[in-house]
Amino acid sequence: MNTRRKLLAGMGLGVAALGAAAWQRGSGPPPAVVRGSAGTQNFPNVTLYTHEGQAVKFYDDLIRGKVVTFNMMYAQCERSCPVSTANLRLVQKMLGERVGRDVFMYSISLQPEMDTPERLREYVARHHIEPGWLFLTGARADIDLVRYRLGFYDPDPLVDFNDANHTGMLRVGNDALDRWTMAPTLTEPEQIMSTINHVDMAMAHTAYPGPSLV
């Protein structure tokens, strides 16, 4: 289990290796400047927007003191995104009332220029997402910064530039305990639940049989 400090120390080399090629989108400062961005020491406090149109601070509103999950997606994705969303929908059902109270689920658009809050609302409706799971968009530079800080990147700039390469993993963390890990979004929902419970001290010693979804 990585602490956030160890996680970000490992990220540093990858972010630096991205170089200028990964920033040809013209959307923000180079990685050397990004690492000194405003916010907390480890996570930026940039403003993002929910599918409900609400402005939120990335660290203060979404992460501080919470058990959280993050995955990357975009509305036009036809590969893993719909399957990942459906799988995480099962996880949302398993979590039940814990979603939005004990565990906070977030999906961040990799194509913020196209995925406006309105478009994300349509995606949420189409996939029957229930309350407590927020879909997020924002300025390209802010989305890229958040993505790197969460560990959704590849040190090869050409691989990193392909949005589809960042949609298959779920970042799971407990900010209060500084416990962070990852799980594949396409693994069994029970395995994702186990990963979430592993960072949530309220559930760490509780066997979770899983409710019937019939």
Protein backbone atom coordinates (compact mmCIF):
# COMPACT_ATOMS: atom_id res chain seq x y z
CA MET A 1 0.00 0.00 0.00
CA ASN A 2 1.53 3.30 -1.04
CA THR A 3 1.33 6.39 1.07
CA ARG A 4 0.55 9.52 -0.90
CA ARG A 5 4.11 10.75 -0.28
CA LYS A 6 5.65 7.56 -1.72
CA LEU A 7 3.16 7.53 -4.57
CA LEU A 8 3.98 11.07 -5.64
CA ALA A 9 7.71 10.53 -5.28
CA GLY A 10 7.35 7.70 -7.77
CA MET A 11 5.25 9.88 -10.05
CA GLY A 12 7.91 12.57 -10.22
CA LEU A 13 10.18 10.73 -12.64
CA GLY A 14 7.28 9.87 -14.93
CA VAL A 15 5.93 13.40 -14.99
CA ALA A 16 9.36 14.81 -15.76
CA ALA A 17 9.83 12.25 -18.52
CA LEU A 18 6.70 13.44 -20.29
CA GLY A 19 8.63 16.50 -21.44
CA ALA A 20 7.42 19.04 -23.91
CA ALA A 21 5.79 16.48 -26.21
CA ALA A 22 3.01 15.75 -23.72
CA TRP A 23 2.27 19.46 -23.42
CA GLN A 24 1.83 20.21 -27.13
CA ARG A 25 -1.87 20.59 -26.44
CA GLY A 26 -0.92 24.13 -25.39
CA SER A 27 -3.10 23.81 -22.34
CA GLY A 28 -0.89 24.63 -19.40
CA PRO A 29 2.54 25.01 -17.84
CA PRO A 30 5.32 22.42 -18.29
CA PRO A 31 5.65 19.68 -15.65
CA ALA A 32 8.42 21.52 -13.78
CA VAL A 33 5.98 24.37 -13.10
CA VAL A 34 3.05 22.03 -12.50
CA ARG A 35 4.81 20.43 -9.53
CA GLY A 36 4.86 23.80 -7.82
CA SER A 37 1.18 24.52 -8.44
CA ALA A 38 -1.10 25.98 -5.76
CA GLY A 39 -3.07 23.65 -3.55
CA THR A 40 -1.92 21.21 -0.92
CA GLN A 41 1.57 19.76 -0.97
CA ASN A 42 0.44 16.67 -2.86
CA PHE A 43 -2.84 17.45 -4.58
CA PRO A 44 -3.74 20.64 -6.46
CA ASN A 45 -6.73 22.67 -5.37
CA VAL A 46 -7.84 23.60 -8.88
CA THR A 47 -11.49 24.26 -9.67
CA LEU A 48 -13.42 21.52 -11.45
CA TYR A 49 -17.12 21.32 -12.37
CA THR A 50 -19.54 18.51 -11.60
CA HIS A 51 -22.09 17.12 -14.02
CA GLU A 52 -24.60 19.04 -11.91
CA GLY A 53 -22.85 22.31 -12.81
CA GLN A 54 -21.37 22.93 -9.36
CA ALA A 55 -17.86 24.40 -9.04
CA VAL A 56 -15.69 22.38 -6.62
CA LYS A 57 -12.13 22.60 -5.36
CA PHE A 58 -10.27 19.40 -6.19
CA TYR A 59 -8.66 18.87 -2.79
CA ASP A 60 -10.79 20.86 -0.36
CA ASP A 61 -14.17 19.70 -1.64
CA LEU A 62 -13.48 16.29 -3.16
CA ILE A 63 -10.64 14.69 -1.20
CA ARG A 64 -9.90 16.30 2.16
CA GLY A 65 -10.48 13.77 4.95
CA LYS A 66 -12.46 11.39 2.73
CA VAL A 67 -12.37 7.86 1.34
CA VAL A 68 -12.50 8.36 -2.42
CA THR A 69 -12.36 6.59 -5.76
CA PHE A 70 -11.27 8.21 -9.04
CA ASN A 71 -11.39 6.91 -12.59
CA MET A 72 -10.79 8.63 -15.92
CA MET A 73 -13.37 8.52 -18.72
CA TYR A 74 -14.88 10.51 -21.57
CA ALA A 75 -18.32 10.47 -23.12
CA GLN A 76 -17.16 9.50 -26.62
CA CYS A 77 -15.08 6.55 -25.38
CA GLU A 78 -16.27 3.34 -27.03
CA ARG A 79 -13.67 0.96 -25.62
CA SER A 80 -13.42 0.41 -21.88
CA CYS A 81 -15.39 3.42 -20.60
CA PRO A 82 -18.94 2.04 -20.95
CA VAL A 83 -17.89 -1.33 -19.51
CA SER A 84 -15.96 0.33 -16.68
CA THR A 85 -18.93 2.56 -15.90
CA ALA A 86 -21.28 -0.42 -15.82
CA ASN A 87 -18.90 -2.29 -13.52
CA LEU A 88 -18.54 0.68 -11.19
CA ARG A 89 -22.32 1.00 -11.23
CA LEU A 90 -22.41 -2.44 -9.60
CA VAL A 91 -19.90 -1.21 -7.03
CA GLN A 92 -22.16 1.79 -6.37
CA LYS A 93 -25.04 -0.61 -5.71
CA MET A 94 -22.88 -2.64 -3.34
CA LEU A 95 -21.84 0.47 -1.44
CA GLY A 96 -25.45 1.52 -1.05
CA GLU A 97 -25.89 4.37 1.44
CA ARG A 98 -22.13 4.60 1.94
CA VAL A 99 -21.84 6.45 -1.40
CA GLY A 100 -21.72 10.17 -0.77
CA ARG A 101 -21.51 9.60 2.98
CA ASP A 102 -18.53 7.31 3.73
CA VAL A 103 -17.14 6.74 0.23
CA PHE A 104 -17.09 9.34 -2.54
CA MET A 105 -16.98 8.23 -6.18
CA TYR A 106 -15.59 10.52 -8.90
CA SER A 107 -15.12 10.13 -12.65
CA ILE A 108 -13.01 12.74 -14.45
CA SER A 109 -13.34 13.53 -18.16
CA LEU A 110 -10.22 13.16 -20.28
CA GLN A 111 -11.80 15.36 -22.97
CA PRO A 112 -12.96 18.43 -21.03
CA GLU A 113 -13.23 20.55 -24.17
CA MET A 114 -16.14 18.37 -25.30
CA ASP A 115 -17.46 16.99 -22.02
CA THR A 116 -19.35 19.94 -20.61
CA PRO A 117 -21.44 19.49 -17.45
CA GLU A 118 -24.51 19.15 -19.66
CA ARG A 119 -22.90 16.39 -21.72
CA LEU A 120 -21.79 14.59 -18.56
CA ARG A 121 -25.36 14.84 -17.22
CA GLU A 122 -26.52 13.07 -20.36
CA TYR A 123 -23.89 10.37 -19.78
CA VAL A 124 -25.02 9.96 -16.17
CA ALA A 125 -28.65 9.61 -17.24
CA ARG A 126 -27.79 7.18 -20.05
CA HIS A 127 -25.90 4.90 -17.68
CA HIS A 128 -28.42 5.18 -14.83
CA ILE A 129 -25.90 6.56 -12.35
CA GLU A 130 -27.43 7.18 -8.94
CA PRO A 131 -26.77 10.19 -6.67
CA GLY A 132 -23.46 10.34 -4.80
CA TRP A 133 -21.22 9.63 -7.80
CA LEU A 134 -19.93 12.81 -9.44
CA PHE A 135 -18.64 13.23 -12.99
CA LEU A 136 -16.15 16.06 -13.36
CA THR A 137 -14.80 18.36 -16.05
CA GLY A 138 -12.77 21.57 -16.12
CA ALA A 139 -9.98 23.40 -17.91
CA ARG A 140 -7.58 21.19 -19.87
CA ALA A 141 -4.52 22.29 -17.85
CA ASP A 142 -6.32 21.52 -14.60
CA ILE A 143 -7.52 18.11 -15.79
CA ASP A 144 -4.00 17.18 -16.92
CA LEU A 145 -2.54 18.31 -13.61
CA VAL A 146 -5.08 16.29 -11.64
CA ARG A 147 -4.51 13.25 -13.86
CA TYR A 148 -0.74 13.30 -13.29
CA ARG A 149 -1.10 13.80 -9.55
CA LEU A 150 -3.49 10.82 -9.33
CA GLY A 151 -1.06 8.65 -11.29
CA PHE A 152 -3.04 8.29 -14.52
CA TYR A 153 -0.18 8.83 -16.98
CA ASP A 154 2.44 6.99 -19.00
CA PRO A 155 6.10 8.06 -19.22
CA ASP A 156 5.99 7.56 -22.99
CA PRO A 157 4.51 10.82 -24.35
CA LEU A 158 2.94 9.09 -27.36
CA VAL A 159 1.18 6.54 -25.15
CA ASP A 160 0.20 9.22 -22.65
CA PHE A 161 -1.37 11.37 -25.36
CA ASN A 162 -3.91 8.63 -26.16
CA ASP A 163 -6.84 9.22 -23.80
CA ALA A 164 -8.01 5.61 -24.12
CA ASN A 165 -4.86 4.45 -22.32
CA HIS A 166 -5.98 6.04 -19.05
CA THR A 167 -9.45 4.55 -18.62
CA GLY A 168 -8.84 1.11 -17.14
CA MET A 169 -7.83 1.80 -13.55
CA LEU A 170 -9.48 3.06 -10.37
CA ARG A 171 -7.51 5.13 -7.85
CA VAL A 172 -8.73 4.41 -4.32
CA GLY A 173 -7.62 6.43 -1.32
CA ASN A 174 -8.21 7.47 2.25
CA ASP A 175 -6.91 11.01 2.63
CA ALA A 176 -7.21 11.06 6.41
CA LEU A 177 -4.92 8.03 6.72
CA ASP A 178 -2.80 8.81 3.64
CA ARG A 179 -3.53 5.35 2.20
CA TRP A 180 -3.70 5.04 -1.60
CA THR A 181 -3.90 2.12 -3.97
CA MET A 182 -5.35 1.11 -7.36
CA ALA A 183 -7.67 -1.52 -8.79
CA PRO A 184 -8.62 -2.39 -12.38
CA THR A 185 -12.06 -1.05 -13.25
CA LEU A 186 -12.85 -4.27 -15.12
CA THR A 187 -12.10 -6.65 -12.28
CA GLU A 188 -14.90 -8.27 -10.29
CA PRO A 189 -16.97 -5.70 -8.39
CA GLU A 190 -16.35 -7.69 -5.21
CA GLN A 191 -12.61 -7.19 -5.67
CA ILE A 192 -13.07 -3.44 -6.09
CA MET A 193 -15.19 -3.44 -2.91
CA SER A 194 -12.41 -5.26 -1.10
CA THR A 195 -9.91 -2.63 -2.26
CA ILE A 196 -12.17 0.21 -1.06
CA ASN A 197 -12.74 -1.48 2.29
CA HIS A 198 -9.00 -2.03 2.69
CA VAL A 199 -8.37 1.73 2.88
CA ASP A 200 -11.53 2.48 4.90
CA MET A 201 -10.78 1.83 8.57
CA ALA A 202 -14.49 1.66 9.32
CA MET A 203 -14.68 -1.48 7.19
CA ALA A 204 -11.12 -2.82 7.42
CA HIS A 205 -12.01 -5.63 9.80
CA THR A 206 -15.47 -6.32 8.43
CA ALA A 207 -16.14 -9.24 6.12
CA TYR A 208 -18.21 -8.05 3.16
CA PRO A 209 -20.34 -10.81 1.58
CA GLY A 210 -21.98 -8.42 -0.87
CA PRO A 211 -25.74 -7.92 -1.31
CA SER A 212 -27.80 -9.60 -3.93
CA LEU A 213 -28.12 -7.45 -7.07
CA VAL A 214 -31.02 -9.41 -8.48
